[in-house]
Amino acid sequence: MRIFNPSVVIIDNDSLDFPIAKRFKKLYSDNPSTRYQEIDHEDICFDQFQPFPKTLVEMKSTLVVTRRYGFAVEKVGEGTYDLASDYIFNVVTGCPNFCSYCMQLYTLQEVPYIAIYPDLESAMKMIQGICQTDERRPLIFELGNMADMVELEPATGILSDVIRQWADTFDPEVQLQVVTKSDNVRNLLELSPKGTVRVGITLNLPEFIDSYEKKTAPLEQRLSAIRELLAHGYRIHLIFSPIFYREGVFLKYRELFKHVKKFLSDCRGFDESDVTIETLTFFHKKGGHHEILRHYPGVAEELMQYVECPEKQTYHERYYYPDKIFKELNSLLTECVETYFPKAQAKSIK
């Protein structure tokens, strides 16, 4: 189990009114292994502020507590691309993991500091307002689609803060969904989610995890985390998300589904009808394939077969995804869900 420890903690002065910032100050201001700074609110500018670290490794271990960029909840389909939930919101942006495909396509285009929004009370009030106007049920709010909140939890405690408030505020028809590649769930086992929290675990082939998802938990440790979460009252969301095509991958993903189903069937608290499953083929920006092929020259030539994907319109540009191979792979994943998890609530994303 990898334990995330920040090397740098920066807090803007305006945030010190909030419990999260006060907790960070208490934890890290006198910590000899952490460089701690308090700065003026107006000086928070990730691409210009000189004292910020410059190496990638140190950037991804830098926590910045700030209200500088505010808080927002986005409705899926209105500028977002995450279709496994109804809304997405972030109280943390930035990820400590080193998934190489993500770093090439996204992280290296933006400064990868871990920014923390401290005003949870205002965030919860905004979400309560949405629940009053949006009468759909169940309603799923995904937290931290731009961060691995579970991996960060031992160093921040923020996910526990959110889960406590969520469980005390909403009934199980308004669900909090958290997505992770971490097995570091110990802190969550001490909480009472009251049926309101769903933890999404990404499950990939072991060789894909080893090659592309650096510094994340191996497959078997992710499955062990699922077993612990189920036993402590959490609901589960499974994500099967192939990254690149390799020869023999179709057969291997069938075996992966079979293995996961057998493992879960032996877990206390497992109810297939309550599990949600998401299958998606990884999409990325049109210009990104040059970087991918430069760093991963062995991937299939089919990666170059791009088609425009208009439903993934974002604020900046459209996303693109590989065509023939990944369409076939997506069909396979859908078939595997129907075969091994026929009672689950499946969500296929193409």
Protein backbone atom coordinates (compact mmCIF):
# COMPACT_ATOMS: atom_id res chain seq x y z
CA MET A 1 0.00 0.00 0.00
CA ARG A 2 1.44 3.35 -1.03
CA ILE A 3 0.94 6.21 1.45
CA PHE A 4 0.85 9.67 -0.12
CA ASN A 5 2.82 12.32 1.78
CA PRO A 6 2.96 15.92 0.52
CA SER A 7 6.37 17.49 0.06
CA VAL A 8 4.96 21.03 -0.13
CA VAL A 9 1.84 22.54 1.49
CA ILE A 10 0.73 26.05 0.50
CA ILE A 11 -2.28 27.78 2.09
CA ASP A 12 -3.74 31.11 1.06
CA ASN A 13 -4.54 33.35 4.01
CA ASP A 14 -8.25 33.63 3.18
CA SER A 15 -8.63 29.86 3.59
CA LEU A 16 -7.47 29.81 7.20
CA ASP A 17 -11.03 30.55 8.35
CA PHE A 18 -12.05 27.01 7.35
CA PRO A 19 -11.50 23.78 9.35
CA ILE A 20 -9.67 22.05 6.49
CA ALA A 21 -7.01 24.76 6.24
CA LYS A 22 -6.65 24.88 10.02
CA ARG A 23 -6.15 21.12 10.08
CA PHE A 24 -3.51 21.31 7.37
CA LYS A 25 -1.69 24.05 9.25
CA LYS A 26 -1.66 21.94 12.40
CA LEU A 27 -0.48 18.85 10.53
CA TYR A 28 2.21 20.35 8.34
CA SER A 29 3.45 23.72 9.63
CA ASP A 30 5.99 22.07 11.94
CA ASN A 31 6.54 18.92 9.90
CA PRO A 32 10.27 18.71 9.04
CA SER A 33 9.61 16.64 5.90
CA THR A 34 7.15 19.16 4.42
CA ARG A 35 7.82 22.66 3.13
CA TYR A 36 4.96 24.77 4.51
CA GLN A 37 3.98 28.25 3.27
CA GLU A 38 1.16 30.73 3.83
CA ILE A 39 0.67 33.32 1.10
CA ASP A 40 -1.76 36.06 0.13
CA HIS A 41 -4.90 34.99 -1.67
CA GLU A 42 -4.08 37.12 -4.72
CA ASP A 43 -0.69 35.44 -5.14
CA ILE A 44 -2.20 32.06 -5.92
CA CYS A 45 -1.43 31.65 -9.61
CA PHE A 46 -0.25 28.17 -10.46
CA ASP A 47 1.68 29.03 -13.61
CA GLN A 48 3.48 32.12 -12.32
CA PHE A 49 4.00 31.92 -8.56
CA GLN A 50 7.77 31.42 -8.21
CA PRO A 51 7.99 29.50 -4.90
CA PHE A 52 5.96 26.66 -6.40
CA PRO A 53 8.08 23.57 -7.19
CA LYS A 54 9.13 22.97 -10.77
CA THR A 55 9.84 19.23 -11.04
CA LEU A 56 6.95 16.95 -12.00
CA VAL A 57 7.40 14.64 -9.01
CA GLU A 58 7.35 17.53 -6.55
CA MET A 59 4.42 19.20 -8.35
CA LYS A 60 2.33 16.07 -7.93
CA SER A 61 3.08 16.03 -4.20
CA THR A 62 2.20 19.70 -3.63
CA LEU A 63 -1.04 20.55 -1.80
CA VAL A 64 -2.47 24.04 -2.33
CA VAL A 65 -5.42 25.05 -0.14
CA THR A 66 -7.19 27.97 -1.79
CA ARG A 67 -10.54 29.56 -2.65
CA ARG A 68 -8.91 31.23 -5.63
CA TYR A 69 -10.81 29.32 -8.28
CA GLY A 70 -14.10 28.83 -6.46
CA PHE A 71 -16.40 25.83 -6.57
CA ALA A 72 -18.75 24.50 -9.25
CA VAL A 73 -21.09 21.58 -9.87
CA GLU A 74 -21.41 20.56 -13.52
CA LYS A 75 -24.33 18.70 -15.00
CA VAL A 76 -23.25 15.79 -17.15
CA GLY A 77 -23.77 16.54 -20.82
CA GLU A 78 -23.26 20.27 -20.38
CA GLY A 79 -19.56 20.65 -21.06
CA THR A 80 -18.56 17.45 -19.28
CA TYR A 81 -17.57 14.04 -20.63
CA ASP A 82 -18.15 11.82 -17.59
CA LEU A 83 -21.37 9.96 -18.35
CA ALA A 84 -21.36 7.57 -15.37
CA SER A 85 -22.97 10.15 -13.10
CA ASP A 86 -25.57 12.90 -13.26
CA TYR A 87 -23.32 15.64 -11.87
CA ILE A 88 -19.63 16.04 -11.19
CA PHE A 89 -17.96 18.30 -8.67
CA ASN A 90 -14.46 18.71 -7.31
CA VAL A 91 -13.27 19.83 -3.92
CA VAL A 92 -9.83 18.64 -5.01
CA THR A 93 -8.19 18.88 -8.43
CA GLY A 94 -4.91 17.22 -9.29
CA CYS A 95 -3.80 13.64 -8.80
CA PRO A 96 -0.79 12.08 -7.07
CA ASN A 97 -0.75 9.05 -9.37
CA PHE A 98 1.56 8.64 -12.35
CA CYS A 99 -0.69 7.03 -14.96
CA SER A 100 1.49 7.63 -18.01
CA TYR A 101 -1.32 7.98 -20.55
CA CYS A 102 -3.06 10.59 -18.41
CA MET A 103 0.18 12.50 -17.88
CA GLN A 104 0.85 12.65 -21.61
CA LEU A 105 -2.64 13.73 -22.58
CA TYR A 106 -3.77 15.94 -19.72
CA THR A 107 -1.37 16.49 -16.83
CA LEU A 108 1.48 17.85 -18.91
CA GLN A 109 -0.86 20.39 -20.49
CA GLU A 110 -1.73 21.84 -17.09
CA VAL A 111 0.24 22.46 -13.91
CA PRO A 112 -0.38 19.29 -11.87
CA TYR A 113 -0.54 20.69 -8.36
CA ILE A 114 -3.16 19.26 -6.01
CA ALA A 115 -5.52 22.15 -5.29
CA ILE A 116 -7.97 21.88 -2.39
CA TYR A 117 -11.16 23.90 -2.04
CA PRO A 118 -11.76 24.38 1.71
CA ASP A 119 -15.36 25.65 1.94
CA LEU A 120 -17.25 22.35 2.16
CA GLU A 121 -20.28 23.97 3.79
CA SER A 122 -20.97 26.17 0.76
CA ALA A 123 -20.36 23.22 -1.55
CA MET A 124 -22.93 21.10 0.27
CA LYS A 125 -25.50 23.91 0.20
CA MET A 126 -25.09 24.20 -3.57
CA ILE A 127 -25.62 20.46 -4.00
CA GLN A 128 -28.70 20.54 -1.75
CA GLY A 129 -30.14 23.27 -3.95
CA ILE A 130 -29.61 21.12 -7.04
CA CYS A 131 -31.37 18.17 -5.39
CA GLN A 132 -34.40 20.36 -4.73
CA THR A 133 -34.74 21.36 -8.39
CA ASP A 134 -33.65 18.08 -10.03
CA GLU A 135 -36.26 15.51 -9.02
CA ARG A 136 -34.66 12.51 -10.76
CA ARG A 137 -33.88 9.60 -8.46
CA PRO A 138 -31.46 8.05 -7.99
CA LEU A 139 -29.23 11.06 -8.50
CA ILE A 140 -25.48 10.46 -8.65
CA PHE A 141 -22.87 13.12 -7.87
CA GLU A 142 -19.33 12.12 -8.75
CA LEU A 143 -16.67 13.64 -6.55
CA GLY A 144 -13.13 14.18 -7.69
CA ASN A 145 -13.16 13.08 -11.32
CA MET A 146 -9.96 15.15 -11.56
CA ALA A 147 -8.30 13.57 -8.51
CA ASP A 148 -7.89 10.25 -6.73
CA MET A 149 -9.54 11.22 -3.46
CA VAL A 150 -8.98 7.81 -1.88
CA GLU A 151 -5.24 7.94 -2.52
CA LEU A 152 -5.07 11.43 -1.01
CA GLU A 153 -7.24 10.61 2.01
CA PRO A 154 -4.56 9.66 4.58
CA ALA A 155 -2.80 12.99 4.00
CA THR A 156 -5.88 15.21 3.74
CA GLY A 157 -8.91 13.68 5.49
CA ILE A 158 -11.13 15.56 3.04
CA LEU A 159 -12.98 12.57 1.66
CA SER A 160 -13.96 11.55 5.20
CA ASP A 161 -15.26 15.08 5.78
CA VAL A 162 -17.42 14.88 2.66
CA ILE A 163 -18.73 11.37 3.39
CA ARG A 164 -19.76 12.30 6.94
CA GLN A 165 -21.66 15.37 5.75
CA TRP A 166 -23.18 13.50 2.80
CA ALA A 167 -24.43 10.58 4.91
CA ASP A 168 -25.99 13.00 7.41
CA THR A 169 -27.64 15.12 4.71
CA PHE A 170 -28.96 12.80 2.00
CA ASP A 171 -30.84 9.53 1.74
CA PRO A 172 -29.57 6.62 -0.44
CA GLU A 173 -31.40 7.98 -3.49
CA VAL A 174 -28.86 10.81 -3.68
CA GLN A 175 -25.54 9.05 -4.06
CA LEU A 176 -21.96 10.25 -3.75
CA GLN A 177 -19.65 8.45 -6.16
CA VAL A 178 -15.87 8.43 -5.72
CA VAL A 179 -13.52 6.89 -8.31
CA THR A 180 -10.10 5.49 -7.46
CA LYS A 181 -7.22 3.20 -8.44
CA SER A 182 -6.08 2.98 -4.83
CA ASP A 183 -6.43 0.29 -2.18
CA ASN A 184 -5.84 2.79 0.64
CA VAL A 185 -9.36 2.59 2.08
CA ARG A 186 -8.55 2.22 5.78
CA ASN A 187 -9.87 5.66 6.75
CA LEU A 188 -13.17 5.00 4.96
CA LEU A 189 -13.80 1.84 6.96
CA GLU A 190 -14.21 3.90 10.12
CA LEU A 191 -17.19 5.81 8.67
CA SER A 192 -20.91 5.03 8.30
CA PRO A 193 -21.88 5.72 4.67
CA LYS A 194 -25.54 4.83 5.36
CA GLY A 195 -26.02 3.53 1.82
CA THR A 196 -25.30 6.92 0.26
CA VAL A 197 -21.72 6.40 -0.95
CA ARG A 198 -20.59 4.41 -3.98
CA VAL A 199 -16.87 3.81 -4.52
CA GLY A 200 -15.76 3.25 -8.10
CA ILE A 201 -12.70 1.05 -8.63
CA THR A 202 -10.95 0.91 -12.00
CA LEU A 203 -10.10 -2.69 -12.94
CA ASN A 204 -7.61 -3.26 -15.73
CA LEU A 205 -5.40 -6.11 -16.86
CA PRO A 206 -2.34 -6.51 -14.60
CA GLU A 207 0.05 -5.82 -17.48
CA PHE A 208 -1.81 -2.59 -18.32
CA ILE A 209 -1.60 -1.48 -14.69
CA ASP A 210 2.14 -2.25 -14.61
CA SER A 211 2.82 -0.47 -17.89
CA TYR A 212 0.56 2.57 -17.78
CA GLU A 213 -0.80 3.15 -14.26
CA LYS A 214 2.38 3.85 -12.35
CA LYS A 215 2.29 4.09 -8.55
CA THR A 216 -1.26 2.75 -8.34
CA ALA A 217 -2.47 -0.38 -6.56
CA PRO A 218 -2.13 -3.75 -8.36
CA LEU A 219 -5.31 -5.49 -9.47
CA GLU A 220 -5.52 -7.94 -6.57
CA GLN A 221 -5.09 -5.15 -4.02
CA ARG A 222 -7.88 -3.17 -5.68
CA LEU A 223 -10.12 -6.23 -5.41
CA SER A 224 -9.21 -6.63 -1.74
CA ALA A 225 -10.20 -3.00 -1.19
CA ILE A 226 -13.59 -3.73 -2.76
CA ARG A 227 -14.10 -6.64 -0.35
CA GLU A 228 -13.38 -4.38 2.63
CA LEU A 229 -15.65 -1.62 1.35
CA LEU A 230 -18.54 -4.02 0.77
CA ALA A 231 -18.18 -5.41 4.28
CA HIS A 232 -18.44 -1.89 5.71
CA GLY A 233 -21.61 -0.80 3.91
CA TYR A 234 -20.27 0.92 0.80
CA ARG A 235 -21.89 0.48 -2.59
CA ILE A 236 -19.62 -0.45 -5.49
CA HIS A 237 -19.08 0.90 -9.00
CA LEU A 238 -16.82 -1.18 -11.27
CA ILE A 239 -14.95 0.47 -14.14
CA PHE A 240 -13.41 -1.58 -16.95
CA SER A 241 -11.34 0.80 -19.05
CA PRO A 242 -8.77 -0.56 -21.52
CA ILE A 243 -6.03 1.87 -22.47
CA PHE A 244 -4.27 0.46 -25.53
CA TYR A 245 -4.86 -2.49 -27.78
CA ARG A 246 -2.49 -5.43 -27.48
CA GLU A 247 -2.65 -8.82 -29.17
CA GLY A 248 -4.78 -11.22 -27.16
CA VAL A 249 -6.50 -8.48 -25.18
CA PHE A 250 -10.01 -9.65 -26.06
CA LEU A 251 -9.51 -13.07 -24.45
CA LYS A 252 -7.73 -11.54 -21.46
CA TYR A 253 -10.62 -9.19 -20.72
CA ARG A 254 -13.05 -12.10 -20.75
CA GLU A 255 -10.83 -13.79 -18.16
CA LEU A 256 -10.68 -10.57 -16.13
CA PHE A 257 -14.48 -10.35 -15.94
CA LYS A 258 -14.69 -14.02 -14.96
CA HIS A 259 -12.07 -13.53 -12.23
CA VAL A 260 -13.75 -10.41 -10.83
CA LYS A 261 -17.17 -12.09 -10.71
CA LYS A 262 -15.77 -15.12 -8.87
CA PHE A 263 -13.96 -12.87 -6.38
CA LEU A 264 -17.00 -10.71 -5.66
CA SER A 265 -19.31 -13.70 -5.26
CA ASP A 266 -17.30 -14.70 -2.20
CA CYS A 267 -17.43 -11.21 -0.64
CA ARG A 268 -19.69 -10.43 2.31
CA GLY A 269 -22.22 -7.75 1.40
CA PHE A 270 -22.04 -8.34 -2.37
CA ASP A 271 -25.38 -7.78 -4.12
CA GLU A 272 -25.02 -7.92 -7.88
CA SER A 273 -28.25 -5.99 -8.45
CA ASP A 274 -26.84 -3.03 -6.51
CA VAL A 275 -23.51 -2.92 -8.39
CA THR A 276 -23.08 -0.40 -11.18
CA ILE A 277 -20.66 -1.16 -14.01
CA GLU A 278 -19.07 1.23 -16.46
CA THR A 279 -17.20 0.07 -19.56
CA LEU A 280 -15.37 2.56 -21.71
CA THR A 281 -12.62 2.68 -24.24
CA PHE A 282 -10.10 5.37 -23.49
CA PHE A 283 -10.49 8.46 -25.65
CA HIS A 284 -8.08 11.31 -26.04
CA LYS A 285 -7.46 14.48 -27.95
CA LYS A 286 -6.61 14.37 -31.62
CA GLY A 287 -3.20 15.96 -31.13
CA GLY A 288 -2.31 13.52 -28.38
CA HIS A 289 -1.65 10.50 -30.58
CA HIS A 290 1.73 11.85 -31.71
CA GLU A 291 2.93 11.93 -28.11
CA ILE A 292 1.47 8.49 -27.43
CA LEU A 293 3.19 6.90 -30.41
CA ARG A 294 6.47 8.58 -29.50
CA HIS A 295 6.39 7.19 -25.97
CA TYR A 296 4.66 3.89 -26.81
CA PRO A 297 5.85 2.92 -30.31
CA GLY A 298 4.65 -0.66 -29.87
CA VAL A 299 0.92 0.05 -29.79
CA ALA A 300 -1.20 -1.13 -32.66
CA GLU A 301 -1.31 0.88 -35.87
CA GLU A 302 -5.07 1.03 -35.46
CA LEU A 303 -4.46 3.74 -32.88
CA MET A 304 -4.00 6.11 -35.81
CA GLN A 305 -7.53 5.48 -37.09
CA TYR A 306 -9.37 8.39 -35.54
CA VAL A 307 -12.93 9.46 -35.96
CA GLU A 308 -14.48 12.62 -34.65
CA CYS A 309 -16.55 12.12 -31.53
CA PRO A 310 -19.01 15.06 -31.40
CA GLU A 311 -20.82 13.99 -28.22
CA LYS A 312 -17.61 14.59 -26.28
CA GLN A 313 -17.60 18.32 -27.00
CA THR A 314 -15.77 20.15 -24.20
CA TYR A 315 -14.98 23.73 -23.39
CA HIS A 316 -11.71 23.63 -25.29
CA GLU A 317 -11.88 21.12 -28.10
CA ARG A 318 -13.49 17.90 -29.17
CA TYR A 319 -12.14 14.58 -28.04
CA TYR A 320 -11.15 11.84 -30.42
CA TYR A 321 -10.84 8.10 -29.96
CA PRO A 322 -9.42 5.14 -31.93
CA ASP A 323 -11.96 3.74 -34.33
CA LYS A 324 -12.18 0.11 -35.42
CA ILE A 325 -10.33 -1.81 -32.70
CA PHE A 326 -11.85 0.07 -29.83
CA LYS A 327 -15.38 -0.23 -31.19
CA GLU A 328 -14.89 -3.99 -31.26
CA LEU A 329 -13.40 -3.92 -27.77
CA ASN A 330 -16.31 -1.88 -26.44
CA SER A 331 -18.74 -4.43 -27.86
CA LEU A 332 -16.78 -7.17 -26.12
CA LEU A 333 -16.92 -5.36 -22.79
CA THR A 334 -20.67 -4.91 -23.10
CA GLU A 335 -21.04 -8.61 -23.87
CA CYS A 336 -18.92 -9.50 -20.81
CA VAL A 337 -21.13 -7.38 -18.56
CA GLU A 338 -24.24 -9.16 -19.85
CA THR A 339 -22.59 -12.57 -19.37
CA TYR A 340 -20.96 -12.19 -15.96
CA PHE A 341 -23.02 -9.42 -14.34
CA PRO A 342 -26.51 -9.76 -15.86
CA LYS A 343 -28.24 -8.24 -12.81
CA ALA A 344 -25.89 -5.26 -12.47
CA GLN A 345 -26.78 -1.74 -13.49
CA ALA A 346 -24.50 -1.32 -16.52
CA LYS A 347 -23.47 1.91 -18.17
CA SER A 348 -21.56 1.54 -21.41
CA ILE A 349 -19.64 4.56 -22.65
CA LYS A 350 -18.39 4.51 -26.23
